[in-house]
PDB file of N, CA and C in Angstrom:
ATOM      1  N   MET A   1       7.702-126.214 -52.276  1.00  0.00           N
ATOM      2  CA  MET A   1       8.089-124.823 -52.254  1.00  0.00           C
ATOM      3  C   MET A   1       9.276-124.559 -53.161  1.00  0.00           C
ATOM      4  N   ILE A   2       9.357-123.407 -53.351  1.00  0.00           N
ATOM      5  CA  ILE A   2      10.379-122.869 -54.324  1.00  0.00           C
ATOM      6  C   ILE A   2      11.588-122.447 -53.606  1.00  0.00           C
ATOM      7  N   SER A   3      12.684-123.082 -54.111  1.00  0.00           N
ATOM      8  CA  SER A   3      13.939-122.671 -53.394  1.00  0.00           C
ATOM      9  C   SER A   3      14.573-121.630 -54.272  1.00  0.00           C
ATOM     10  N   SER A   4      15.317-120.694 -53.667  1.00  0.00           N
ATOM     11  CA  SER A   4      16.118-119.774 -54.449  1.00  0.00           C
ATOM     12  C   SER A   4      17.470-119.819 -53.873  1.00  0.00           C
ATOM     13  N   LYS A   5      18.386-119.503 -54.672  1.00  0.00           N
ATOM     14  CA  LYS A   5      19.803-119.390 -54.304  1.00  0.00           C
ATOM     15  C   LYS A   5      20.008-118.062 -53.589  1.00  0.00           C
ATOM     16  N   SER A   6      20.713-118.170 -52.611  1.00  0.00           N
ATOM     17  CA  SER A   6      21.150-116.948 -51.902  1.00  0.00           C
ATOM     18  C   SER A   6      22.640-116.827 -51.832  1.00  0.00           C
ATOM     19  N   PHE A   7      23.088-115.619 -51.770  1.00  0.00           N
ATOM     20  CA  PHE A   7      24.612-115.509 -51.878  1.00  0.00           C
ATOM     21  C   PHE A   7      24.935-114.590 -50.780  1.00  0.00           C
ATOM     22  N   SER A   8      25.883-114.931 -50.041  1.00  0.00           N
ATOM     23  CA  SER A   8      26.438-114.065 -48.909  1.00  0.00           C
ATOM     24  C   SER A   8      27.815-113.720 -49.154  1.00  0.00           C
ATOM     25  N   GLN A   9      28.062-112.454 -49.036  1.00  0.00           N
ATOM     26  CA  GLN A   9      29.419-111.921 -49.294  1.00  0.00           C
ATOM     27  C   GLN A   9      30.107-111.506 -48.049  1.00  0.00           C
ATOM     28  N   THR A  10      31.197-112.097 -47.790  1.00  0.00           N
ATOM     29  CA  THR A  10      31.864-111.714 -46.484  1.00  0.00           C
ATOM     30  C   THR A  10      33.036-110.608 -46.728  1.00  0.00           C
ATOM     31  N   THR A  11      33.512-110.418 -47.761  1.00  0.00           N
ATOM     32  CA  THR A  11      34.492-109.292 -48.068  1.00  0.00           C
ATOM     33  C   THR A  11      34.082-108.584 -49.327  1.00  0.00           C
ATOM     34  N   THR A  12      34.286-107.273 -49.306  1.00  0.00           N
ATOM     35  CA  THR A  12      34.013-106.523 -50.442  1.00  0.00           C
ATOM     36  C   THR A  12      35.320-106.136 -51.120  1.00  0.00           C
ATOM     37  N   ILE A  13      35.416-106.340 -52.221  1.00  0.00           N
ATOM     38  CA  ILE A  13      36.567-105.914 -52.984  1.00  0.00           C
ATOM     39  C   ILE A  13      36.024-104.873 -54.056  1.00  0.00           C
ATOM     40  N   SER A  14      36.497-103.687 -53.830  1.00  0.00           N
ATOM     41  CA  SER A  14      36.128-102.594 -54.716  1.00  0.00           C
ATOM     42  C   SER A  14      37.102-102.319 -55.657  1.00  0.00           C
ATOM     43  N   SER A  15      36.837-101.535 -56.639  1.00  0.00           N
ATOM     44  CA  SER A  15      37.779-101.145 -57.675  1.00  0.00           C
ATOM     45  C   SER A  15      38.542 -99.935 -57.190  1.00  0.00           C
ATOM     46  N   GLY A  16      38.412 -99.442 -55.936  1.00  0.00           N
ATOM     47  CA  GLY A  16      39.102 -98.261 -55.342  1.00  0.00           C
ATOM     48  C   GLY A  16      40.506 -98.461 -55.102  1.00  0.00           C
ATOM     49  N   ILE A  17      41.103 -97.408 -54.655  1.00  0.00           N
ATOM     50  CA  ILE A  17      42.545 -97.578 -54.382  1.00  0.00           C
ATOM     51  C   ILE A  17      42.719 -97.792 -52.899  1.00  0.00           C
ATOM     52  N   GLN A  18      43.608 -98.796 -52.675  1.00  0.00           N
ATOM     53  CA  GLN A  18      43.847 -99.102 -51.160  1.00  0.00           C
ATOM     54  C   GLN A  18      45.176 -98.357 -50.726  1.00  0.00           C
ATOM     55  N   LEU A  19      45.139 -97.698 -49.616  1.00  0.00           N
ATOM     56  CA  LEU A  19      46.234 -97.027 -49.140  1.00  0.00           C
ATOM     57  C   LEU A  19      46.695 -97.593 -47.814  1.00  0.00           C
ATOM     58  N   ASP A  20      48.050 -97.430 -47.545  1.00  0.00           N
ATOM     59  CA  ASP A  20      48.494 -97.958 -46.259  1.00  0.00           C
ATOM     60  C   ASP A  20      48.045 -96.853 -45.214  1.00  0.00           C
ATOM     61  N   SER A  21      48.087 -97.111 -44.023  1.00  0.00           N
ATOM     62  CA  SER A  21      47.563 -96.300 -42.955  1.00  0.00           C
ATOM     63  C   SER A  21      48.390 -94.919 -42.834  1.00  0.00           C
ATOM     64  N   ILE A  22      49.666 -94.963 -43.061  1.00  0.00           N
ATOM     65  CA  ILE A  22      50.441 -93.701 -42.988  1.00  0.00           C
ATOM     66  C   ILE A  22      50.042 -92.693 -44.131  1.00  0.00           C
ATOM     67  N   THR A  23      49.872 -93.276 -45.350  1.00  0.00           N
ATOM     68  CA  THR A  23      49.484 -92.460 -46.538  1.00  0.00           C
ATOM     69  C   THR A  23      48.122 -91.926 -46.214  1.00  0.00           C
ATOM     70  N   ALA A  24      47.150 -92.872 -45.763  1.00  0.00           N
ATOM     71  CA  ALA A  24      45.789 -92.399 -45.506  1.00  0.00           C
ATOM     72  C   ALA A  24      45.774 -91.321 -44.524  1.00  0.00           C
ATOM     73  N   LYS A  25      46.502 -91.314 -43.470  1.00  0.00           N
ATOM     74  CA  LYS A  25      46.592 -90.335 -42.410  1.00  0.00           C
ATOM     75  C   LYS A  25      47.021 -88.980 -43.054  1.00  0.00           C
ATOM     76  N   SER A  26      48.026 -89.142 -43.924  1.00  0.00           N
ATOM     77  CA  SER A  26      48.583 -87.990 -44.573  1.00  0.00           C
ATOM     78  C   SER A  26      47.589 -87.293 -45.541  1.00  0.00           C
ATOM     79  N   VAL A  27      46.841 -88.171 -46.241  1.00  0.00           N
ATOM     80  CA  VAL A  27      45.751 -87.651 -47.105  1.00  0.00           C
ATOM     81  C   VAL A  27      44.703 -87.010 -46.281  1.00  0.00           C
ATOM     82  N   ILE A  28      44.397 -87.610 -45.200  1.00  0.00           N
ATOM     83  CA  ILE A  28      43.247 -86.948 -44.391  1.00  0.00           C
ATOM     84  C   ILE A  28      43.705 -85.658 -43.763  1.00  0.00           C
ATOM     85  N   GLN A  29      44.975 -85.556 -43.281  1.00  0.00           N
ATOM     86  CA  GLN A  29      45.467 -84.261 -42.787  1.00  0.00           C
ATOM     87  C   GLN A  29      45.533 -83.231 -43.820  1.00  0.00           C
ATOM     88  N   ASP A  30      45.940 -83.582 -45.064  1.00  0.00           N
ATOM     89  CA  ASP A  30      45.920 -82.714 -46.244  1.00  0.00           C
ATOM     90  C   ASP A  30      44.571 -82.205 -46.444  1.00  0.00           C
ATOM     91  N   LEU A  31      43.589 -83.070 -46.547  1.00  0.00           N
ATOM     92  CA  LEU A  31      42.134 -82.675 -46.688  1.00  0.00           C
ATOM     93  C   LEU A  31      41.631 -81.629 -45.671  1.00  0.00           C
ATOM     94  N   ILE A  32      42.091 -81.925 -44.474  1.00  0.00           N
ATOM     95  CA  ILE A  32      41.680 -81.043 -43.402  1.00  0.00           C
ATOM     96  C   ILE A  32      42.315 -79.693 -43.512  1.00  0.00           C
ATOM     97  N   LYS A  33      43.593 -79.683 -43.863  1.00  0.00           N
ATOM     98  CA  LYS A  33      44.258 -78.409 -44.168  1.00  0.00           C
ATOM     99  C   LYS A  33      43.698 -77.672 -45.238  1.00  0.00           C
ATOM    100  N   CYS A  34      43.323 -78.348 -46.281  1.00  0.00           N
ATOM    101  CA  CYS A  34      42.671 -77.821 -47.428  1.00  0.00           C
ATOM    102  C   CYS A  34      41.403 -77.069 -47.033  1.00  0.00           C
ATOM    103  N   LYS A  35      40.569 -77.818 -46.265  1.00  0.00           N
ATOM    104  CA  LYS A  35      39.306 -77.250 -45.785  1.00  0.00           C
ATOM    105  C   LYS A  35      39.663 -75.910 -44.969  1.00  0.00           C
ATOM    106  N   GLY A  36      40.530 -75.979 -44.197  1.00  0.00           N
ATOM    107  CA  GLY A  36      40.965 -74.858 -43.357  1.00  0.00           C
ATOM    108  C   GLY A  36      41.497 -73.607 -44.264  1.00  0.00           C
ATOM    109  N   TYR A  37      42.157 -73.953 -45.236  1.00  0.00           N
ATOM    110  CA  TYR A  37      42.756 -72.951 -46.194  1.00  0.00           C
ATOM    111  C   TYR A  37      41.501 -72.305 -46.978  1.00  0.00           C
ATOM    112  N   LYS A  38      40.501 -73.115 -47.319  1.00  0.00           N
ATOM    113  CA  LYS A  38      39.368 -72.628 -48.009  1.00  0.00           C
ATOM    114  C   LYS A  38      38.621 -71.664 -47.109  1.00  0.00           C
ATOM    115  N   GLN A  39      38.539 -71.965 -45.783  1.00  0.00           N
ATOM    116  CA  GLN A  39      37.717 -71.035 -44.920  1.00  0.00           C
ATOM    117  C   GLN A  39      38.685 -69.772 -44.677  1.00  0.00           C
ATOM    118  N   GLU A  40      39.908 -69.954 -44.655  1.00  0.00           N
ATOM    119  CA  GLU A  40      40.870 -68.823 -44.410  1.00  0.00           C
ATOM    120  C   GLU A  40      40.744 -67.829 -45.728  1.00  0.00           C
ATOM    121  N   LEU A  41      40.655 -68.537 -46.773  1.00  0.00           N
ATOM    122  CA  LEU A  41      40.481 -67.679 -48.101  1.00  0.00           C
ATOM    123  C   LEU A  41      39.188 -66.872 -48.079  1.00  0.00           C
ATOM    124  N   GLU A  42      38.126 -67.621 -47.667  1.00  0.00           N
ATOM    125  CA  GLU A  42      36.761 -66.930 -47.555  1.00  0.00           C
ATOM    126  C   GLU A  42      36.810 -65.711 -46.699  1.00  0.00           C
ATOM    127  N   ILE A  43      37.408 -65.964 -45.446  1.00  0.00           N
ATOM    128  CA  ILE A  43      37.494 -64.750 -44.503  1.00  0.00           C
ATOM    129  C   ILE A  43      38.413 -63.615 -45.052  1.00  0.00           C
ATOM    130  N   THR A  44      39.462 -64.015 -45.621  1.00  0.00           N
ATOM    131  CA  THR A  44      40.336 -62.998 -46.256  1.00  0.00           C
ATOM    132  C   THR A  44      39.628 -62.276 -47.353  1.00  0.00           C
ATOM    133  N   THR A  45      38.846 -62.977 -48.147  1.00  0.00           N
ATOM    134  CA  THR A  45      38.128 -62.295 -49.251  1.00  0.00           C
ATOM    135  C   THR A  45      37.055 -61.414 -48.604  1.00  0.00           C
ATOM    136  N   GLU A  46      36.383 -61.742 -47.617  1.00  0.00           N
ATOM    137  CA  GLU A  46      35.509 -60.841 -46.952  1.00  0.00           C
ATOM    138  C   GLU A  46      36.174 -59.612 -46.363  1.00  0.00           C
ATOM    139  N   LYS A  47      37.353 -59.808 -45.798  1.00  0.00           N
ATOM    140  CA  LYS A  47      38.045 -58.678 -45.186  1.00  0.00           C
ATOM    141  C   LYS A  47      38.419 -57.754 -46.304  1.00  0.00           C
ATOM    142  N   VAL A  48      38.928 -58.249 -47.433  1.00  0.00           N
ATOM    143  CA  VAL A  48      39.349 -57.403 -48.529  1.00  0.00           C
ATOM    144  C   VAL A  48      38.052 -56.570 -49.054  1.00  0.00           C
ATOM    145  N   THR A  49      36.964 -57.211 -49.124  1.00  0.00           N
ATOM    146  CA  THR A  49      35.775 -56.541 -49.713  1.00  0.00           C
ATOM    147  C   THR A  49      35.444 -55.391 -48.637  1.00  0.00           C
ATOM    148  N   ILE A  50      35.503 -55.695 -47.408  1.00  0.00           N
ATOM    149  CA  ILE A  50      35.180 -54.632 -46.282  1.00  0.00           C
ATOM    150  C   ILE A  50      36.163 -53.587 -46.462  1.00  0.00           C
ATOM    151  N   LEU A  51      37.465 -53.871 -46.628  1.00  0.00           N
ATOM    152  CA  LEU A  51      38.462 -52.822 -46.644  1.00  0.00           C
ATOM    153  C   LEU A  51      38.191 -51.952 -47.983  1.00  0.00           C
ATOM    154  N   GLU A  52      37.788 -52.571 -49.115  1.00  0.00           N
ATOM    155  CA  GLU A  52      37.555 -51.862 -50.351  1.00  0.00           C
ATOM    156  C   GLU A  52      36.353 -50.878 -50.137  1.00  0.00           C
ATOM    157  N   LYS A  53      35.328 -51.372 -49.377  1.00  0.00           N
ATOM    158  CA  LYS A  53      34.131 -50.436 -49.013  1.00  0.00           C
ATOM    159  C   LYS A  53      34.583 -49.239 -48.147  1.00  0.00           C
ATOM    160  N   LYS A  54      35.452 -49.599 -47.048  1.00  0.00           N
ATOM    161  CA  LYS A  54      35.962 -48.587 -46.297  1.00  0.00           C
ATOM    162  C   LYS A  54      36.779 -47.542 -47.079  1.00  0.00           C
ATOM    163  N   SER A  55      37.563 -48.055 -47.997  1.00  0.00           N
ATOM    164  CA  SER A  55      38.462 -47.150 -48.772  1.00  0.00           C
ATOM    165  C   SER A  55      37.578 -46.262 -49.710  1.00  0.00           C
ATOM    166  N   SER A  56      36.553 -46.792 -50.269  1.00  0.00           N
ATOM    167  CA  SER A  56      35.811 -45.993 -51.138  1.00  0.00           C
ATOM    168  C   SER A  56      34.873 -44.996 -50.246  1.00  0.00           C
ATOM    169  N   LEU A  57      34.566 -45.353 -49.108  1.00  0.00           N
ATOM    170  CA  LEU A  57      33.859 -44.405 -48.104  1.00  0.00           C
ATOM    171  C   LEU A  57      34.760 -43.296 -47.780  1.00  0.00           C
ATOM    172  N   LYS A  58      35.959 -43.582 -47.533  1.00  0.00           N
ATOM    173  CA  LYS A  58      37.051 -42.611 -47.003  1.00  0.00           C
ATOM    174  C   LYS A  58      37.317 -41.628 -48.249  1.00  0.00           C
ATOM    175  N   ASP A  59      37.269 -42.206 -49.442  1.00  0.00           N
ATOM    176  CA  ASP A  59      37.620 -41.391 -50.588  1.00  0.00           C
ATOM    177  C   ASP A  59      36.535 -40.455 -50.835  1.00  0.00           C
ATOM    178  N   SER A  60      35.231 -40.870 -50.630  1.00  0.00           N
ATOM    179  CA  SER A  60      34.082 -39.906 -50.708  1.00  0.00           C
ATOM    180  C   SER A  60      34.117 -38.867 -49.648  1.00  0.00           C
ATOM    181  N   ILE A  61      34.480 -39.218 -48.462  1.00  0.00           N
ATOM    182  CA  ILE A  61      34.537 -38.217 -47.389  1.00  0.00           C
ATOM    183  C   ILE A  61      35.610 -37.222 -47.698  1.00  0.00           C
ATOM    184  N   ILE A  62      36.792 -37.694 -48.131  1.00  0.00           N
ATOM    185  CA  ILE A  62      37.888 -36.776 -48.521  1.00  0.00           C
ATOM    186  C   ILE A  62      37.455 -35.863 -49.574  1.00  0.00           C
ATOM    187  N   PHE A  63      36.789 -36.345 -50.591  1.00  0.00           N
ATOM    188  CA  PHE A  63      36.260 -35.523 -51.753  1.00  0.00           C
ATOM    189  C   PHE A  63      35.295 -34.440 -51.163  1.00  0.00           C
ATOM    190  N   ASN A  64      34.433 -34.860 -50.336  1.00  0.00           N
ATOM    191  CA  ASN A  64      33.481 -33.876 -49.825  1.00  0.00           C
ATOM    192  C   ASN A  64      34.192 -32.791 -48.905  1.00  0.00           C
ATOM    193  N   LEU A  65      35.206 -33.131 -48.142  1.00  0.00           N
ATOM    194  CA  LEU A  65      35.992 -32.215 -47.328  1.00  0.00           C
ATOM    195  C   LEU A  65      36.746 -31.312 -48.209  1.00  0.00           C
ATOM    196  N   ASP A  66      37.378 -31.864 -49.284  1.00  0.00           N
ATOM    197  CA  ASP A  66      37.994 -30.919 -50.221  1.00  0.00           C
ATOM    198  C   ASP A  66      37.081 -29.974 -50.840  1.00  0.00           C
ATOM    199  N   THR A  67      35.952 -30.387 -51.239  1.00  0.00           N
ATOM    200  CA  THR A  67      34.888 -29.479 -51.783  1.00  0.00           C
ATOM    201  C   THR A  67      34.535 -28.445 -50.773  1.00  0.00           C
ATOM    202  N   GLN A  68      34.324 -28.800 -49.473  1.00  0.00           N
ATOM    203  CA  GLN A  68      33.991 -27.800 -48.459  1.00  0.00           C
ATOM    204  C   GLN A  68      35.159 -26.830 -48.281  1.00  0.00           C
ATOM    205  N   ILE A  69      36.418 -27.320 -48.289  1.00  0.00           N
ATOM    206  CA  ILE A  69      37.498 -26.392 -48.178  1.00  0.00           C
ATOM    207  C   ILE A  69      37.575 -25.382 -49.300  1.00  0.00           C
ATOM    208  N   ASN A  70      37.384 -25.833 -50.520  1.00  0.00           N
ATOM    209  CA  ASN A  70      37.366 -24.920 -51.722  1.00  0.00           C
ATOM    210  C   ASN A  70      36.132 -23.907 -51.566  1.00  0.00           C
ATOM    211  N   ASN A  71      35.055 -24.348 -51.112  1.00  0.00           N
ATOM    212  CA  ASN A  71      33.952 -23.422 -50.882  1.00  0.00           C
ATOM    213  C   ASN A  71      34.275 -22.354 -49.843  1.00  0.00           C
ATOM    214  N   PHE A  72      34.808 -22.784 -48.705  1.00  0.00           N
ATOM    215  CA  PHE A  72      35.200 -21.856 -47.646  1.00  0.00           C
ATOM    216  C   PHE A  72      36.314 -20.892 -48.152  1.00  0.00           C
ATOM    217  N   ASN A  73      37.231 -21.368 -48.912  1.00  0.00           N
ATOM    218  CA  ASN A  73      38.306 -20.544 -49.431  1.00  0.00           C
ATOM    219  C   ASN A  73      37.547 -19.469 -50.450  1.00  0.00           C
ATOM    220  N   SER A  74      36.696 -19.879 -51.198  1.00  0.00           N
ATOM    221  CA  SER A  74      36.041 -18.833 -52.168  1.00  0.00           C
ATOM    222  C   SER A  74      35.299 -17.918 -51.284  1.00  0.00           C
ATOM    223  N   ILE A  75      34.669 -18.219 -50.267  1.00  0.00           N
ATOM    224  CA  ILE A  75      33.916 -17.409 -49.377  1.00  0.00           C
ATOM    225  C   ILE A  75      34.893 -16.377 -48.676  1.00  0.00           C
ATOM    226  N   LEU A  76      36.044 -16.932 -48.251  1.00  0.00           N
ATOM    227  CA  LEU A  76      37.007 -16.033 -47.727  1.00  0.00           C
ATOM    228  C   LEU A  76      37.515 -14.990 -48.616  1.00  0.00           C
ATOM    229  N   GLU A  77      37.805 -15.429 -49.908  1.00  0.00           N
ATOM    230  CA  GLU A  77      38.256 -14.440 -50.937  1.00  0.00           C
ATOM    231  C   GLU A  77      37.226 -13.400 -51.142  1.00  0.00           C
ATOM    232  N   GLY A  78      35.960 -13.832 -51.252  1.00  0.00           N
ATOM    233  CA  GLY A  78      34.847 -12.848 -51.365  1.00  0.00           C
ATOM    234  C   GLY A  78      34.913 -11.836 -50.159  1.00  0.00           C
ATOM    235  N   LYS A  79      35.023 -12.305 -48.996  1.00  0.00           N
ATOM    236  CA  LYS A  79      34.970 -11.483 -47.832  1.00  0.00           C
ATOM    237  C   LYS A  79      36.152 -10.537 -47.816  1.00  0.00           C
ATOM    238  N   ASP A  80      37.323 -11.020 -48.241  1.00  0.00           N
ATOM    239  CA  ASP A  80      38.562 -10.195 -48.300  1.00  0.00           C
ATOM    240  C   ASP A  80      38.306  -9.117 -49.318  1.00  0.00           C
ATOM    241  N   ILE A  81      37.732  -9.332 -50.511  1.00  0.00           N
ATOM    242  CA  ILE A  81      37.432  -8.369 -51.543  1.00  0.00           C
ATOM    243  C   ILE A  81      36.425  -7.312 -50.889  1.00  0.00           C
ATOM    244  N   GLN A  82      35.382  -7.777 -50.226  1.00  0.00           N
ATOM    245  CA  GLN A  82      34.427  -6.868 -49.577  1.00  0.00           C
ATOM    246  C   GLN A  82      35.000  -6.076 -48.481  1.00  0.00           C
ATOM    247  N   LEU A  83      36.092  -6.556 -47.752  1.00  0.00           N
ATOM    248  CA  LEU A  83      36.654  -5.841 -46.741  1.00  0.00           C
ATOM    249  C   LEU A  83      37.578  -4.674 -47.314  1.00  0.00           C
ATOM    250  N   SER A  84      38.318  -5.097 -48.329  1.00  0.00           N
ATOM    251  CA  SER A  84      39.217  -4.087 -48.996  1.00  0.00           C
ATOM    252  C   SER A  84      38.365  -2.937 -49.576  1.00  0.00           C
ATOM    253  N   LEU A  85      37.347  -3.280 -50.276  1.00  0.00           N
ATOM    254  CA  LEU A  85      36.395  -2.349 -50.919  1.00  0.00           C
ATOM    255  C   LEU A  85      35.822  -1.433 -49.840  1.00  0.00           C
ATOM    256  N   SER A  86      35.378  -2.036 -48.667  1.00  0.00           N
ATOM    257  CA  SER A  86      34.810  -1.262 -47.611  1.00  0.00           C
ATOM    258  C   SER A  86      35.919  -0.330 -47.044  1.00  0.00           C
ATOM    259  N   GLN A  87      37.090  -0.663 -46.869  1.00  0.00           N
ATOM    260  CA  GLN A  87      38.124   0.082 -46.430  1.00  0.00           C
ATOM    261  C   GLN A  87      38.443   1.308 -47.345  1.00  0.00           C
ATOM    262  N   GLU A  88      38.491   1.025 -48.627  1.00  0.00           N
ATOM    263  CA  GLU A  88      38.613   2.137 -49.655  1.00  0.00           C
ATOM    264  C   GLU A  88      37.513   3.102 -49.519  1.00  0.00           C
ATOM    265  N   LEU A  89      36.306   2.679 -49.458  1.00  0.00           N
ATOM    266  CA  LEU A  89      35.160   3.550 -49.351  1.00  0.00           C
ATOM    267  C   LEU A  89      35.267   4.366 -48.054  1.00  0.00           C
ATOM    268  N   SER A  90      35.690   3.749 -46.973  1.00  0.00           N
ATOM    269  CA  SER A  90      35.809   4.481 -45.780  1.00  0.00           C
ATOM    270  C   SER A  90      36.849   5.556 -45.876  1.00  0.00           C
ATOM    271  N   GLU A  91      37.943   5.272 -46.512  1.00  0.00           N
ATOM    272  CA  GLU A  91      38.995   6.342 -46.692  1.00  0.00           C
ATOM    273  C   GLU A  91      38.511   7.500 -47.536  1.00  0.00           C
ATOM    274  N   LYS A  92      37.728   7.158 -48.658  1.00  0.00           N
ATOM    275  CA  LYS A  92      37.229   8.220 -49.431  1.00  0.00           C
ATOM    276  C   LYS A  92      36.208   9.082 -48.678  1.00  0.00           C
ATOM    277  N   LEU A  93      35.346   8.405 -47.901  1.00  0.00           N
ATOM    278  CA  LEU A  93      34.347   9.133 -47.016  1.00  0.00           C
ATOM    279  C   LEU A  93      35.176   9.988 -46.014  1.00  0.00           C
ATOM    280  N   LYS A  94      36.190   9.659 -45.441  1.00  0.00           N
ATOM    281  CA  LYS A  94      36.977  10.404 -44.415  1.00  0.00           C
ATOM    282  C   LYS A  94      37.514  11.770 -45.176  1.00  0.00           C
ATOM    283  N   LEU A  95      38.081  11.436 -46.355  1.00  0.00           N
ATOM    284  CA  LEU A  95      38.583  12.577 -47.120  1.00  0.00           C
ATOM    285  C   LEU A  95      37.503  13.597 -47.480  1.00  0.00           C
ATOM    286  N   ASP A  96      36.379  13.105 -48.024  1.00  0.00           N
ATOM    287  CA  ASP A  96      35.198  13.904 -48.311  1.00  0.00           C
ATOM    288  C   ASP A  96      34.729  14.688 -47.096  1.00  0.00           C
ATOM    289  N   LEU A  97      34.693  13.986 -45.849  1.00  0.00           N
ATOM    290  CA  LEU A  97      34.259  14.675 -44.676  1.00  0.00           C
ATOM    291  C   LEU A  97      35.235  15.811 -44.272  1.00  0.00           C
ATOM    292  N   LYS A  98      36.589  15.564 -44.425  1.00  0.00           N
ATOM    293  CA  LYS A  98      37.516  16.626 -44.125  1.00  0.00           C
ATOM    294  C   LYS A  98      37.216  17.836 -45.107  1.00  0.00           C
ATOM    295  N   LYS A  99      37.011  17.465 -46.412  1.00  0.00           N
ATOM    296  CA  LYS A  99      36.764  18.605 -47.287  1.00  0.00           C
ATOM    297  C   LYS A  99      35.493  19.360 -47.009  1.00  0.00           C
ATOM    298  N   GLN A 100      34.513  18.641 -46.617  1.00  0.00           N
ATOM    299  CA  GLN A 100      33.160  19.306 -46.300  1.00  0.00           C
ATOM    300  C   GLN A 100      33.395  20.166 -45.039  1.00  0.00           C
ATOM    301  N   LYS A 101      34.166  19.709 -43.996  1.00  0.00           N
ATOM    302  CA  LYS A 101      34.408  20.444 -42.822  1.00  0.00           C
ATOM    303  C   LYS A 101      35.176  21.716 -43.164  1.00  0.00           C
ATOM    304  N   LEU A 102      36.207  21.607 -44.011  1.00  0.00           N
ATOM    305  CA  LEU A 102      36.998  22.781 -44.428  1.00  0.00           C
ATOM    306  C   LEU A 102      36.166  23.834 -45.182  1.00  0.00           C
ATOM    307  N   LYS A 103      35.251  23.348 -46.101  1.00  0.00           N
ATOM    308  CA  LYS A 103      34.367  24.204 -46.801  1.00  0.00           C
ATOM    309  C   LYS A 103      33.402  24.949 -45.751  1.00  0.00           C
ATOM    310  N   ALA A 104      32.915  24.184 -44.830  1.00  0.00           N
ATOM    311  CA  ALA A 104      32.044  24.677 -43.836  1.00  0.00           C
ATOM    312  C   ALA A 104      32.683  25.755 -42.967  1.00  0.00           C
ATOM    313  N   LYS A 105      33.926  25.580 -42.638  1.00  0.00           N
ATOM    314  CA  LYS A 105      34.693  26.518 -41.844  1.00  0.00           C
ATOM    315  C   LYS A 105      34.848  27.792 -42.632  1.00  0.00           C
ATOM    316  N   LEU A 106      35.296  27.669 -43.926  1.00  0.00           N
ATOM    317  CA  LEU A 106      35.613  28.800 -44.774  1.00  0.00           C
ATOM    318  C   LEU A 106      34.267  29.566 -45.051  1.00  0.00           C
ATOM    319  N   PHE A 107      33.153  28.935 -45.336  1.00  0.00           N
ATOM    320  CA  PHE A 107      31.996  29.743 -45.582  1.00  0.00           C
ATOM    321  C   PHE A 107      31.179  30.002 -44.365  1.00  0.00           C
ATOM    322  N   SER A 108      31.621  29.715 -43.136  1.00  0.00           N
ATOM    323  CA  SER A 108      30.926  30.096 -41.944  1.00  0.00           C
ATOM    324  C   SER A 108      31.282  31.614 -41.652  1.00  0.00           C
ATOM    325  N   GLY A 109      30.758  32.057 -40.562  1.00  0.00           N
ATOM    326  CA  GLY A 109      30.957  33.537 -40.309  1.00  0.00           C
ATOM    327  C   GLY A 109      32.420  33.866 -40.034  1.00  0.00           C
ATOM    328  N   ILE A 110      33.147  33.064 -39.346  1.00  0.00           N
ATOM    329  CA  ILE A 110      34.541  33.260 -39.008  1.00  0.00           C
ATOM    330  C   ILE A 110      35.414  33.186 -40.350  1.00  0.00           C
ATOM    331  N   GLY A 111      35.169  32.226 -41.095  1.00  0.00           N
ATOM    332  CA  GLY A 111      35.841  32.022 -42.262  1.00  0.00           C
ATOM    333  C   GLY A 111      35.681  33.028 -43.329  1.00  0.00           C
ATOM    334  N   LEU A 112      34.412  33.711 -43.482  1.00  0.00           N
ATOM    335  CA  LEU A 112      34.123  34.788 -44.358  1.00  0.00           C
ATOM    336  C   LEU A 112      34.785  36.013 -43.923  1.00  0.00           C
ATOM    337  N   THR A 113      34.831  36.290 -42.678  1.00  0.00           N
ATOM    338  CA  THR A 113      35.556  37.545 -42.082  1.00  0.00           C
ATOM    339  C   THR A 113      37.014  37.412 -42.366  1.00  0.00           C
ATOM    340  N   THR A 114      37.550  36.247 -42.142  1.00  0.00           N
ATOM    341  CA  THR A 114      38.984  35.989 -42.412  1.00  0.00           C
ATOM    342  C   THR A 114      39.334  36.167 -43.854  1.00  0.00           C
ATOM    343  N   ILE A 115      38.531  35.695 -44.734  1.00  0.00           N
ATOM    344  CA  ILE A 115      38.655  35.872 -46.262  1.00  0.00           C
ATOM    345  C   ILE A 115      38.622  37.252 -46.577  1.00  0.00           C
ATOM    346  N   LEU A 116      37.649  37.926 -46.110  1.00  0.00           N
ATOM    347  CA  LEU A 116      37.451  39.457 -46.448  1.00  0.00           C
ATOM    348  C   LEU A 116      38.724  40.219 -45.884  1.00  0.00           C
ATOM    349  N   GLY A 117      39.123  39.827 -44.688  1.00  0.00           N
ATOM    350  CA  GLY A 117      40.304  40.494 -44.136  1.00  0.00           C
ATOM    351  C   GLY A 117      41.515  40.358 -44.990  1.00  0.00           C
ATOM    352  N   VAL A 118      41.698  39.098 -45.505  1.00  0.00           N
ATOM    353  CA  VAL A 118      42.885  38.764 -46.238  1.00  0.00           C
ATOM    354  C   VAL A 118      42.779  39.493 -47.604  1.00  0.00           C
ATOM    355  N   VAL A 119      41.596  39.634 -48.104  1.00  0.00           N
ATOM    356  CA  VAL A 119      41.356  40.271 -49.451  1.00  0.00           C
ATOM    357  C   VAL A 119      41.611  41.765 -49.247  1.00  0.00           C
ATOM    358  N   LEU A 120      41.046  42.363 -48.115  1.00  0.00           N
ATOM    359  CA  LEU A 120      41.261  43.785 -47.946  1.00  0.00           C
ATOM    360  C   LEU A 120      42.822  44.099 -47.768  1.00  0.00           C
ATOM    361  N   ILE A 121      43.456  43.226 -47.081  1.00  0.00           N
ATOM    362  CA  ILE A 121      44.828  43.551 -46.753  1.00  0.00           C
ATOM    363  C   ILE A 121      45.664  43.445 -48.065  1.00  0.00           C
ATOM    364  N   LEU A 122      45.356  42.499 -48.855  1.00  0.00           N
ATOM    365  CA  LEU A 122      46.121  42.303 -50.164  1.00  0.00           C
ATOM    366  C   LEU A 122      45.801  43.471 -51.089  1.00  0.00           C
ATOM    367  N   LYS A 123      44.765  44.188 -51.112  1.00  0.00           N
ATOM    368  CA  LYS A 123      44.457  45.167 -52.035  1.00  0.00           C
ATOM    369  C   LYS A 123      45.223  46.385 -51.728  1.00  0.00           C
TER     370      LYS A 123
END
């Protein structure tokens, strides 16, 4: 039979760094803290993104409301102009109506006799 050499290794010596237990615990705690900080940073980044979206949404709502206010103000200005014009026309119509009533009284039967009486008295 063929015999082969076998080798059994009881200890492994690696080229890595060996740390004492206190330093190793400190390194592990630091790594755990680092992982927690990374998670906290991700959450904070998500919150900032959400807040930016909310802010842009609020800005668009404010812009739309400002546009509506401007539209309503222009409508009110138009209505005010229409109201003042309507009031002016109403006053003109009242004056014209008074003139027409006066003319109607003057040219009616009583008005004509009064005018003839005044003309005859003056002559």
